[in-house]
Every structure is written in structure tokens, then in C-alpha cells.
C-alpha atoms as a PDB file:
ATOM      1  CA  MET A   1       0.413  -6.562 -12.364  1.00  0.00           C
ATOM      2  CA  CYS A   2      -0.187  -7.248  -8.655  1.00  0.00           C
ATOM      3  CA  ARG A   3      -2.942  -9.824  -8.697  1.00  0.00           C
ATOM      4  CA  SER A   4      -2.512 -10.716  -5.047  1.00  0.00           C
ATOM      5  CA  ILE A   5      -3.116  -7.171  -3.802  1.00  0.00           C
ATOM      6  CA  HIS A   6      -6.730  -6.977  -2.730  1.00  0.00           C
ATOM      7  CA  ARG A   7      -8.903  -3.959  -3.286  1.00  0.00           C
ATOM      8  CA  LEU A   8      -8.943  -1.957  -0.109  1.00  0.00           C
ATOM      9  CA  ARG A   9     -12.092   0.031  -0.840  1.00  0.00           C
ATOM     10  CA  GLU A  10     -14.467  -2.917  -0.730  1.00  0.00           C
ATOM     11  CA  GLY A  11     -16.753  -3.912   2.064  1.00  0.00           C
ATOM     12  CA  THR A  12     -18.415  -1.879   4.748  1.00  0.00           C
ATOM     13  CA  THR A  13     -15.386  -1.138   6.921  1.00  0.00           C
ATOM     14  CA  PRO A  14     -12.488   1.089   5.877  1.00  0.00           C
ATOM     15  CA  ALA A  15      -9.104  -0.498   5.283  1.00  0.00           C
ATOM     16  CA  THR A  16      -6.874  -0.565   8.331  1.00  0.00           C
ATOM     17  CA  ASP A  17      -3.434   1.019   8.402  1.00  0.00           C
ATOM     18  CA  ASP A  18      -1.956  -2.499   8.469  1.00  0.00           C
ATOM     19  CA  GLU A  19      -3.888  -3.515   5.342  1.00  0.00           C
ATOM     20  CA  ILE A  20      -2.743  -0.375   3.542  1.00  0.00           C
ATOM     21  CA  TYR A  21       0.867  -0.942   4.618  1.00  0.00           C
ATOM     22  CA  GLU A  22       0.832  -4.591   3.516  1.00  0.00           C
ATOM     23  CA  ALA A  23      -0.599  -3.661   0.106  1.00  0.00           C
ATOM     24  CA  ALA A  24       2.130  -1.029  -0.293  1.00  0.00           C
ATOM     25  CA  ARG A  25       4.796  -3.545   0.711  1.00  0.00           C
ATOM     26  CA  GLN A  26       3.452  -6.080  -1.788  1.00  0.00           C
ATOM     27  CA  TYR A  27       3.496  -3.447  -4.528  1.00  0.00           C
ATOM     28  CA  VAL A  28       7.095  -2.415  -3.773  1.00  0.00           C
ATOM     29  CA  ARG A  29       8.161  -6.066  -3.700  1.00  0.00           C
ATOM     30  CA  LYS A  30       6.607  -6.610  -7.117  1.00  0.00           C
ATOM     31  CA  VAL A  31       8.048  -3.450  -8.671  1.00  0.00           C
ATOM     32  CA  SER A  32      11.534  -3.859  -7.178  1.00  0.00           C
ATOM     33  CA  GLY A  33      11.797  -7.574  -7.773  1.00  0.00           C
ATOM     34  CA  PHE A  34      12.929  -8.088  -4.162  1.00  0.00           C
ATOM     35  CA  GLY A  35      11.020 -10.618  -2.102  1.00  0.00           C
ATOM     36  CA  LYS A  36      13.210  -9.475   0.770  1.00  0.00           C
ATOM     37  CA  PRO A  37      15.568  -6.606   0.057  1.00  0.00           C
ATOM     38  CA  THR A  38      19.236  -6.870   0.911  1.00  0.00           C
ATOM     39  CA  ALA A  39      20.630  -4.782   3.754  1.00  0.00           C
ATOM     40  CA  LYS A  40      22.047  -2.429   1.115  1.00  0.00           C
ATOM     41  CA  HIS A  41      18.567  -1.755  -0.291  1.00  0.00           C
ATOM     42  CA  GLN A  42      16.483  -1.977   2.896  1.00  0.00           C
ATOM     43  CA  ALA A  43      16.289   1.788   3.552  1.00  0.00           C
ATOM     44  CA  ALA A  44      15.150   2.580   0.005  1.00  0.00           C
ATOM     45  CA  PHE A  45      12.630  -0.267   0.145  1.00  0.00           C
ATOM     46  CA  ASP A  46      11.211   0.914   3.492  1.00  0.00           C
ATOM     47  CA  GLU A  47      10.993   4.515   2.285  1.00  0.00           C
ATOM     48  CA  ALA A  48       9.123   3.478  -0.849  1.00  0.00           C
ATOM     49  CA  VAL A  49       6.665   1.396   1.186  1.00  0.00           C
ATOM     50  CA  ALA A  50       6.028   4.307   3.561  1.00  0.00           C
ATOM     51  CA  GLU A  51       5.462   6.767   0.700  1.00  0.00           C
ATOM     52  CA  ILE A  52       3.088   4.450  -1.142  1.00  0.00           C
ATOM     53  CA  ALA A  53       1.191   3.599   2.033  1.00  0.00           C
ATOM     54  CA  ALA A  54       0.748   7.300   2.849  1.00  0.00           C
ATOM     55  CA  SER A  55      -0.421   8.078  -0.687  1.00  0.00           C
ATOM     56  CA  SER A  56      -2.793   5.117  -0.651  1.00  0.00           C
ATOM     57  CA  LYS A  57      -4.264   6.178   2.674  1.00  0.00           C
ATOM     58  CA  ARG A  58      -4.867   9.722   1.386  1.00  0.00           C
ATOM     59  CA  LEU A  59      -6.476   8.306  -1.751  1.00  0.00           C
ATOM     60  CA  LEU A  60      -8.783   6.018   0.187  1.00  0.00           C
ATOM     61  CA  GLU A  61      -9.782   8.823   2.585  1.00  0.00           C
ATOM     62  CA  THR A  62     -10.524  11.169  -0.322  1.00  0.00           C
ATOM     63  CA  VAL A  63     -12.490   8.604  -2.286  1.00  0.00           C
ATOM     64  CA  THR A  64     -14.475   7.582   0.785  1.00  0.00           C
ATOM     65  CA  ALA A  65     -15.232  11.214   1.657  1.00  0.00           C
ATOM     66  CA  THR A  66     -16.496  11.986  -1.849  1.00  0.00           C
ATOM     67  CA  LEU A  67     -18.649   8.865  -1.951  1.00  0.00           C
ATOM     68  CA  THR A  68     -20.317   9.582   1.363  1.00  0.00           C
ATOM     69  CA  GLY A  69     -20.395  13.369   1.249  1.00  0.00           C
END
């Protein structure tokens, strides 16, 4: 579905918070259909991005910890 979102668990360095946030924003844009949300929808859009970014960060930390530990 989101071909332009790059895998964040590749390479030797962990994904940065900015990379995780941008991937979450791209995902929300794709799902919502908004390239840029209207002022009416901005708060919901921002909340969704924050939730997905937080979940993605937890996922990446967990996966990394189980691979190395």
C-alpha cells in the first residue's frame, strides 16, 4: 500500500525519531487520502501521526532488543 515508505529496520544504525515520524506521516497521508489535511482535520491528522510514530518506535525497539539480546 505505501510503497514509498522505506523499511526502518534496515542498515546498521537504528531509525531516528525523524525517520519514524516521517514514515508515520506518510502512512496517515495514504490512509486518510489527505496530502495536506484541512484546518478542520489537522488535529485528528496530527494525533494519528503521533500515535503511529509512538507505536512504530516501540515496535522497532522491541524487535531490535530481541534480535540483539
